[in-house]
Amino acid sequence: SSAADYLANLGASVSKTFTVNTSVTEGASQSQSI
């Protein structure tokens, strides 16, 4: 990763794969319920 960043600073086009984690909450929570 650090070597690729170094090459990118010198003009190379670098491709990296990374994972995005997300959390989705559905329904009424305790504070939102009647």
PDB file of all heavy atoms in Angstrom:
ATOM      1  N   SER A   1       0.820  -1.208   0.000  1.00  0.00           N
ATOM      2  CA  SER A   1       0.000   0.000   0.000  1.00  0.00           C
ATOM      3  C   SER A   1       0.857   1.263   0.000  1.00  0.00           C
ATOM      4  O   SER A   1       0.609   2.198  -0.765  1.00  0.00           O
ATOM      5  CB  SER A   1      -0.926  -0.003   1.209  1.00  0.00           C
ATOM      6  OG  SER A   1      -1.714   1.167   1.250  1.00  0.00           O
ATOM      7  N   SER A   2       1.904   1.289   0.843  1.00  0.00           N
ATOM      8  CA  SER A   2       2.765   2.480   0.898  1.00  0.00           C
ATOM      9  C   SER A   2       3.578   2.630  -0.384  1.00  0.00           C
ATOM     10  O   SER A   2       3.827   3.747  -0.841  1.00  0.00           O
ATOM     11  CB  SER A   2       3.694   2.406   2.111  1.00  0.00           C
ATOM     12  OG  SER A   2       4.527   1.258   2.040  1.00  0.00           O
ATOM     13  N   ALA A   3       3.988   1.508  -0.987  1.00  0.00           N
ATOM     14  CA  ALA A   3       4.716   1.577  -2.263  1.00  0.00           C
ATOM     15  C   ALA A   3       3.821   2.126  -3.364  1.00  0.00           C
ATOM     16  O   ALA A   3       4.259   2.929  -4.197  1.00  0.00           O
ATOM     17  CB  ALA A   3       5.247   0.196  -2.635  1.00  0.00           C
ATOM     18  N   ALA A   4       2.543   1.710  -3.372  1.00  0.00           N
ATOM     19  CA  ALA A   4       1.610   2.209  -4.377  1.00  0.00           C
ATOM     20  C   ALA A   4       1.359   3.701  -4.203  1.00  0.00           C
ATOM     21  O   ALA A   4       1.259   4.450  -5.188  1.00  0.00           O
ATOM     22  CB  ALA A   4       0.299   1.430  -4.289  1.00  0.00           C
ATOM     23  N   ASP A   5       1.251   4.149  -2.962  1.00  0.00           N
ATOM     24  CA  ASP A   5       1.073   5.579  -2.713  1.00  0.00           C
ATOM     25  C   ASP A   5       2.269   6.376  -3.229  1.00  0.00           C
ATOM     26  O   ASP A   5       2.115   7.487  -3.763  1.00  0.00           O
ATOM     27  CB  ASP A   5       0.877   5.836  -1.217  1.00  0.00           C
ATOM     28  CG  ASP A   5      -0.434   5.259  -0.696  1.00  0.00           C
ATOM     29  OD1 ASP A   5      -1.317   4.988  -1.519  1.00  0.00           O
ATOM     30  OD2 ASP A   5      -0.552   5.082   0.524  1.00  0.00           O
ATOM     31  N   TYR A   6       3.451   5.813  -3.062  1.00  0.00           N
ATOM     32  CA  TYR A   6       4.670   6.475  -3.540  1.00  0.00           C
ATOM     33  C   TYR A   6       4.646   6.615  -5.060  1.00  0.00           C
ATOM     34  O   TYR A   6       4.960   7.672  -5.611  1.00  0.00           O
ATOM     35  CB  TYR A   6       5.884   5.667  -3.078  1.00  0.00           C
ATOM     36  CG  TYR A   6       7.209   6.180  -3.586  1.00  0.00           C
ATOM     37  CD1 TYR A   6       7.807   7.302  -3.024  1.00  0.00           C
ATOM     38  CD2 TYR A   6       7.881   5.526  -4.613  1.00  0.00           C
ATOM     39  CE1 TYR A   6       9.031   7.760  -3.482  1.00  0.00           C
ATOM     40  CE2 TYR A   6       9.100   5.976  -5.080  1.00  0.00           C
ATOM     41  CZ  TYR A   6       9.669   7.099  -4.503  1.00  0.00           C
ATOM     42  OH  TYR A   6      10.873   7.557  -4.956  1.00  0.00           O
ATOM     43  N   LEU A   7       4.256   5.528  -5.756  1.00  0.00           N
ATOM     44  CA  LEU A   7       4.180   5.581  -7.218  1.00  0.00           C
ATOM     45  C   LEU A   7       3.095   6.544  -7.683  1.00  0.00           C
ATOM     46  O   LEU A   7       3.251   7.225  -8.700  1.00  0.00           O
ATOM     47  CB  LEU A   7       3.920   4.181  -7.772  1.00  0.00           C
ATOM     48  CG  LEU A   7       4.997   3.121  -7.515  1.00  0.00           C
ATOM     49  CD1 LEU A   7       4.592   1.802  -8.149  1.00  0.00           C
ATOM     50  CD2 LEU A   7       6.351   3.573  -8.047  1.00  0.00           C
ATOM     51  N   ALA A   8       1.978   6.600  -6.941  1.00  0.00           N
ATOM     52  CA  ALA A   8       0.897   7.511  -7.314  1.00  0.00           C
ATOM     53  C   ALA A   8       1.347   8.960  -7.234  1.00  0.00           C
ATOM     54  O   ALA A   8       0.939   9.799  -8.046  1.00  0.00           O
ATOM     55  CB  ALA A   8      -0.309   7.277  -6.412  1.00  0.00           C
ATOM     56  N   ASN A   9       2.187   9.278  -6.252  1.00  0.00           N
ATOM     57  CA  ASN A   9       2.704  10.650  -6.143  1.00  0.00           C
ATOM     58  C   ASN A   9       3.599  11.023  -7.315  1.00  0.00           C
ATOM     59  O   ASN A   9       3.796  12.208  -7.606  1.00  0.00           O
ATOM     60  CB  ASN A   9       3.480  10.817  -4.834  1.00  0.00           C
ATOM     61  CG  ASN A   9       2.583  10.764  -3.623  1.00  0.00           C
ATOM     62  OD1 ASN A   9       1.401  11.116  -3.699  1.00  0.00           O
ATOM     63  ND2 ASN A   9       3.116  10.324  -2.494  1.00  0.00           N
ATOM     64  N   LEU A  10       4.158   9.999  -7.990  1.00  0.00           N
ATOM     65  CA  LEU A  10       5.028  10.245  -9.136  1.00  0.00           C
ATOM     66  C   LEU A  10       4.278  10.194 -10.461  1.00  0.00           C
ATOM     67  O   LEU A  10       4.889  10.245 -11.523  1.00  0.00           O
ATOM     68  CB  LEU A  10       6.165   9.223  -9.153  1.00  0.00           C
ATOM     69  CG  LEU A  10       7.143   9.294  -7.980  1.00  0.00           C
ATOM     70  CD1 LEU A  10       8.147   8.160  -8.042  1.00  0.00           C
ATOM     71  CD2 LEU A  10       7.866  10.635  -7.950  1.00  0.00           C
ATOM     72  N   GLY A  11       2.939  10.037 -10.399  1.00  0.00           N
ATOM     73  CA  GLY A  11       2.138  10.109 -11.612  1.00  0.00           C
ATOM     74  C   GLY A  11       1.488   8.820 -12.039  1.00  0.00           C
ATOM     75  O   GLY A  11       0.713   8.808 -13.009  1.00  0.00           O
ATOM     76  N   ALA A  12       1.780   7.697 -11.347  1.00  0.00           N
ATOM     77  CA  ALA A  12       1.166   6.425 -11.733  1.00  0.00           C
ATOM     78  C   ALA A  12      -0.311   6.417 -11.354  1.00  0.00           C
ATOM     79  O   ALA A  12      -0.731   7.073 -10.392  1.00  0.00           O
ATOM     80  CB  ALA A  12       1.896   5.269 -11.048  1.00  0.00           C
ATOM     81  N   SER A  13      -1.100   5.669 -12.101  1.00  0.00           N
ATOM     82  CA  SER A  13      -2.516   5.488 -11.809  1.00  0.00           C
ATOM     83  C   SER A  13      -2.674   4.208 -10.993  1.00  0.00           C
ATOM     84  O   SER A  13      -2.446   3.106 -11.504  1.00  0.00           O
ATOM     85  CB  SER A  13      -3.328   5.397 -13.107  1.00  0.00           C
ATOM     86  OG  SER A  13      -4.683   5.157 -12.832  1.00  0.00           O
ATOM     87  N   VAL A  14      -3.024   4.350  -9.738  1.00  0.00           N
ATOM     88  CA  VAL A  14      -3.046   3.225  -8.800  1.00  0.00           C
ATOM     89  C   VAL A  14      -4.485   2.843  -8.503  1.00  0.00           C
ATOM     90  O   VAL A  14      -5.328   3.704  -8.217  1.00  0.00           O
ATOM     91  CB  VAL A  14      -2.307   3.582  -7.491  1.00  0.00           C
ATOM     92  CG1 VAL A  14      -2.427   2.449  -6.484  1.00  0.00           C
ATOM     93  CG2 VAL A  14      -0.846   3.883  -7.790  1.00  0.00           C
ATOM     94  N   SER A  15      -4.764   1.535  -8.544  1.00  0.00           N
ATOM     95  CA  SER A  15      -6.090   1.008  -8.204  1.00  0.00           C
ATOM     96  C   SER A  15      -5.983   0.188  -6.929  1.00  0.00           C
ATOM     97  O   SER A  15      -5.112  -0.688  -6.817  1.00  0.00           O
ATOM     98  CB  SER A  15      -6.632   0.137  -9.336  1.00  0.00           C
ATOM     99  OG  SER A  15      -6.798   0.898 -10.517  1.00  0.00           O
ATOM    100  N   LYS A  16      -6.862   0.500  -5.978  1.00  0.00           N
ATOM    101  CA  LYS A  16      -6.898  -0.236  -4.711  1.00  0.00           C
ATOM    102  C   LYS A  16      -8.313  -0.704  -4.432  1.00  0.00           C
ATOM    103  O   LYS A  16      -9.290  -0.012  -4.745  1.00  0.00           O
ATOM    104  CB  LYS A  16      -6.431   0.652  -3.552  1.00  0.00           C
ATOM    105  CG  LYS A  16      -4.939   0.804  -3.419  1.00  0.00           C
ATOM    106  CD  LYS A  16      -4.604   1.553  -2.149  1.00  0.00           C
ATOM    107  CE  LYS A  16      -3.100   1.754  -2.000  1.00  0.00           C
ATOM    108  NZ  LYS A  16      -2.779   2.493  -0.754  1.00  0.00           N
ATOM    109  N   THR A  17      -8.396  -1.877  -3.817  1.00  0.00           N
ATOM    110  CA  THR A  17      -9.692  -2.426  -3.428  1.00  0.00           C
ATOM    111  C   THR A  17      -9.889  -2.214  -1.932  1.00  0.00           C
ATOM    112  O   THR A  17      -8.985  -2.508  -1.139  1.00  0.00           O
ATOM    113  CB  THR A  17      -9.764  -3.925  -3.749  1.00  0.00           C
ATOM    114  OG1 THR A  17      -9.531  -4.115  -5.143  1.00  0.00           O
ATOM    115  CG2 THR A  17     -11.122  -4.497  -3.386  1.00  0.00           C
ATOM    116  N   PHE A  18     -11.036  -1.686  -1.555  1.00  0.00           N
ATOM    117  CA  PHE A  18     -11.332  -1.483  -0.141  1.00  0.00           C
ATOM    118  C   PHE A  18     -12.797  -1.822   0.111  1.00  0.00           C
ATOM    119  O   PHE A  18     -13.624  -1.865  -0.797  1.00  0.00           O
ATOM    120  CB  PHE A  18     -11.030  -0.038   0.280  1.00  0.00           C
ATOM    121  CG  PHE A  18     -11.851   1.002  -0.433  1.00  0.00           C
ATOM    122  CD1 PHE A  18     -12.987   1.542   0.153  1.00  0.00           C
ATOM    123  CD2 PHE A  18     -11.489   1.457  -1.699  1.00  0.00           C
ATOM    124  CE1 PHE A  18     -13.739   2.503  -0.501  1.00  0.00           C
ATOM    125  CE2 PHE A  18     -12.237   2.407  -2.360  1.00  0.00           C
ATOM    126  CZ  PHE A  18     -13.362   2.937  -1.758  1.00  0.00           C
ATOM    127  N   THR A  19     -13.114  -2.105   1.372  1.00  0.00           N
ATOM    128  CA  THR A  19     -14.455  -2.534   1.768  1.00  0.00           C
ATOM    129  C   THR A  19     -15.110  -1.451   2.608  1.00  0.00           C
ATOM    130  O   THR A  19     -14.491  -0.927   3.547  1.00  0.00           O
ATOM    131  CB  THR A  19     -14.396  -3.845   2.568  1.00  0.00           C
ATOM    132  OG1 THR A  19     -13.752  -4.843   1.772  1.00  0.00           O
ATOM    133  CG2 THR A  19     -15.787  -4.319   2.946  1.00  0.00           C
ATOM    134  N   VAL A  20     -16.358  -1.114   2.263  1.00  0.00           N
ATOM    135  CA  VAL A  20     -17.140  -0.128   3.001  1.00  0.00           C
ATOM    136  C   VAL A  20     -18.203  -0.867   3.808  1.00  0.00           C
ATOM    137  O   VAL A  20     -19.025  -1.617   3.237  1.00  0.00           O
ATOM    138  CB  VAL A  20     -17.791   0.888   2.050  1.00  0.00           C
ATOM    139  CG1 VAL A  20     -18.639   1.886   2.838  1.00  0.00           C
ATOM    140  CG2 VAL A  20     -16.733   1.609   1.230  1.00  0.00           C
ATOM    141  N   ASN A  21     -18.178  -0.711   5.124  1.00  0.00           N
ATOM    142  CA  ASN A  21     -19.160  -1.342   6.004  1.00  0.00           C
ATOM    143  C   ASN A  21     -20.200  -0.314   6.436  1.00  0.00           C
ATOM    144  O   ASN A  21     -19.844   0.784   6.891  1.00  0.00           O
ATOM    145  CB  ASN A  21     -18.475  -1.935   7.235  1.00  0.00           C
ATOM    146  CG  ASN A  21     -17.510  -3.056   6.885  1.00  0.00           C
ATOM    147  OD1 ASN A  21     -17.844  -3.913   6.077  1.00  0.00           O
ATOM    148  ND2 ASN A  21     -16.338  -3.048   7.499  1.00  0.00           N
ATOM    149  N   THR A  22     -21.480  -0.673   6.299  1.00  0.00           N
ATOM    150  CA  THR A  22     -22.568   0.217   6.699  1.00  0.00           C
ATOM    151  C   THR A  22     -23.560  -0.562   7.548  1.00  0.00           C
ATOM    152  O   THR A  22     -23.717  -1.779   7.418  1.00  0.00           O
ATOM    153  CB  THR A  22     -23.292   0.793   5.465  1.00  0.00           C
ATOM    154  OG1 THR A  22     -23.784  -0.293   4.659  1.00  0.00           O
ATOM    155  CG2 THR A  22     -22.359   1.660   4.642  1.00  0.00           C
ATOM    156  N   SER A  23     -24.243   0.166   8.431  1.00  0.00           N
ATOM    157  CA  SER A  23     -25.271  -0.422   9.289  1.00  0.00           C
ATOM    158  C   SER A  23     -26.584   0.316   9.053  1.00  0.00           C
ATOM    159  O   SER A  23     -26.629   1.556   9.113  1.00  0.00           O
ATOM    160  CB  SER A  23     -24.862  -0.330  10.764  1.00  0.00           C
ATOM    161  OG  SER A  23     -23.686  -1.091  10.988  1.00  0.00           O
ATOM    162  N   VAL A  24     -27.659  -0.428   8.790  1.00  0.00           N
ATOM    163  CA  VAL A  24     -28.973   0.146   8.515  1.00  0.00           C
ATOM    164  C   VAL A  24     -29.947  -0.347   9.586  1.00  0.00           C
ATOM    165  O   VAL A  24     -30.067  -1.553   9.820  1.00  0.00           O
ATOM    166  CB  VAL A  24     -29.469  -0.254   7.114  1.00  0.00           C
ATOM    167  CG1 VAL A  24     -30.850   0.340   6.858  1.00  0.00           C
ATOM    168  CG2 VAL A  24     -28.474   0.209   6.044  1.00  0.00           C
ATOM    169  N   THR A  25     -30.638   0.603  10.245  1.00  0.00           N
ATOM    170  CA  THR A  25     -31.616   0.256  11.280  1.00  0.00           C
ATOM    171  C   THR A  25     -33.018   0.508  10.742  1.00  0.00           C
ATOM    172  O   THR A  25     -33.327   1.607  10.261  1.00  0.00           O
ATOM    173  CB  THR A  25     -31.383   1.091  12.552  1.00  0.00           C
ATOM    174  OG1 THR A  25     -30.054   0.852  13.016  1.00  0.00           O
ATOM    175  CG2 THR A  25     -32.379   0.716  13.636  1.00  0.00           C
ATOM    176  N   GLU A  26     -33.886  -0.501  10.825  1.00  0.00           N
ATOM    177  CA  GLU A  26     -35.270  -0.401  10.360  1.00  0.00           C
ATOM    178  C   GLU A  26     -36.222  -0.639  11.520  1.00  0.00           C
ATOM    179  O   GLU A  26     -35.949  -1.451  12.405  1.00  0.00           O
ATOM    180  CB  GLU A  26     -35.544  -1.428   9.256  1.00  0.00           C
ATOM    181  CG  GLU A  26     -34.706  -1.219   8.002  1.00  0.00           C
ATOM    182  CD  GLU A  26     -34.988  -2.276   6.957  1.00  0.00           C
ATOM    183  OE1 GLU A  26     -35.693  -3.257   7.299  1.00  0.00           O
ATOM    184  OE2 GLU A  26     -34.496  -2.143   5.825  1.00  0.00           O
ATOM    185  N   GLY A  27     -37.375   0.091  11.535  1.00  0.00           N
ATOM    186  CA  GLY A  27     -38.347  -0.041  12.609  1.00  0.00           C
ATOM    187  C   GLY A  27     -38.178   1.036  13.649  1.00  0.00           C
ATOM    188  O   GLY A  27     -37.277   1.878  13.571  1.00  0.00           O
ATOM    189  N   ALA A  28     -39.053   1.037  14.641  1.00  0.00           N
ATOM    190  CA  ALA A  28     -39.038   2.061  15.697  1.00  0.00           C
ATOM    191  C   ALA A  28     -38.154   1.623  16.834  1.00  0.00           C
ATOM    192  O   ALA A  28     -38.230   0.489  17.310  1.00  0.00           O
ATOM    193  CB  ALA A  28     -40.465   2.312  16.205  1.00  0.00           C
ATOM    194  N   SER A  29     -37.297   2.535  17.273  1.00  0.00           N
ATOM    195  CA  SER A  29     -36.465   2.255  18.421  1.00  0.00           C
ATOM    196  C   SER A  29     -37.225   2.561  19.700  1.00  0.00           C
ATOM    197  O   SER A  29     -38.360   3.038  19.678  1.00  0.00           O
ATOM    198  CB  SER A  29     -35.183   3.088  18.354  1.00  0.00           C
ATOM    199  OG  SER A  29     -35.502   4.465  18.435  1.00  0.00           O
ATOM    200  N   GLN A  30     -36.600   2.328  20.849  1.00  0.00           N
ATOM    201  CA  GLN A  30     -37.255   2.563  22.136  1.00  0.00           C
ATOM    202  C   GLN A  30     -37.626   4.024  22.311  1.00  0.00           C
ATOM    203  O   GLN A  30     -38.690   4.361  22.811  1.00  0.00           O
ATOM    204  CB  GLN A  30     -36.322   2.127  23.275  1.00  0.00           C
ATOM    205  CG  GLN A  30     -36.879   2.311  24.688  1.00  0.00           C
ATOM    206  CD  GLN A  30     -38.050   1.381  24.962  1.00  0.00           C
ATOM    207  OE1 GLN A  30     -38.028   0.225  24.571  1.00  0.00           O
ATOM    208  NE2 GLN A  30     -39.092   1.889  25.611  1.00  0.00           N
ATOM    209  N   SER A  31     -36.757   4.926  21.843  1.00  0.00           N
ATOM    210  CA  SER A  31     -37.025   6.357  22.013  1.00  0.00           C
ATOM    211  C   SER A  31     -38.098   6.851  21.060  1.00  0.00           C
ATOM    212  O   SER A  31     -38.751   7.871  21.308  1.00  0.00           O
ATOM    213  CB  SER A  31     -35.732   7.154  21.810  1.00  0.00           C
ATOM    214  OG  SER A  31     -35.219   6.931  20.508  1.00  0.00           O
ATOM    215  N   GLN A  32     -38.297   6.124  19.923  1.00  0.00           N
ATOM    216  CA  GLN A  32     -39.259   6.581  18.932  1.00  0.00           C
ATOM    217  C   GLN A  32     -40.639   5.940  19.088  1.00  0.00           C
ATOM    218  O   GLN A  32     -41.612   6.409  18.513  1.00  0.00           O
ATOM    219  CB  GLN A  32     -38.733   6.269  17.523  1.00  0.00           C
ATOM    220  CG  GLN A  32     -37.439   7.005  17.181  1.00  0.00           C
ATOM    221  CD  GLN A  32     -36.836   6.502  15.890  1.00  0.00           C
ATOM    222  OE1 GLN A  32     -37.103   5.376  15.463  1.00  0.00           O
ATOM    223  NE2 GLN A  32     -36.018   7.345  15.264  1.00  0.00           N
ATOM    224  N   SER A  33     -40.756   4.871  19.849  1.00  0.00           N
ATOM    225  CA  SER A  33     -42.022   4.142  19.958  1.00  0.00           C
ATOM    226  C   SER A  33     -42.998   4.872  20.875  1.00  0.00           C
ATOM    227  O   SER A  33     -42.621   5.706  21.697  1.00  0.00           O
ATOM    228  CB  SER A  33     -41.767   2.732  20.492  1.00  0.00           C
ATOM    229  OG  SER A  33     -41.224   2.812  21.801  1.00  0.00           O
ATOM    230  N   ILE A  34     -44.280   4.555  20.709  1.00  0.00           N
ATOM    231  CA  ILE A  34     -45.328   5.133  21.555  1.00  0.00           C
ATOM    232  C   ILE A  34     -45.222   4.538  22.946  1.00  0.00           C
ATOM    233  O   ILE A  34     -44.928   3.358  23.120  1.00  0.00           O
ATOM    234  CB  ILE A  34     -46.727   4.846  20.959  1.00  0.00           C
ATOM    235  CG1 ILE A  34     -46.800   5.437  19.549  1.00  0.00           C
ATOM    236  CG2 ILE A  34     -47.828   5.388  21.830  1.00  0.00           C
ATOM    237  CD1 ILE A  34     -48.073   5.074  18.831  1.00  0.00           C
TER     238      ILE A  34
END
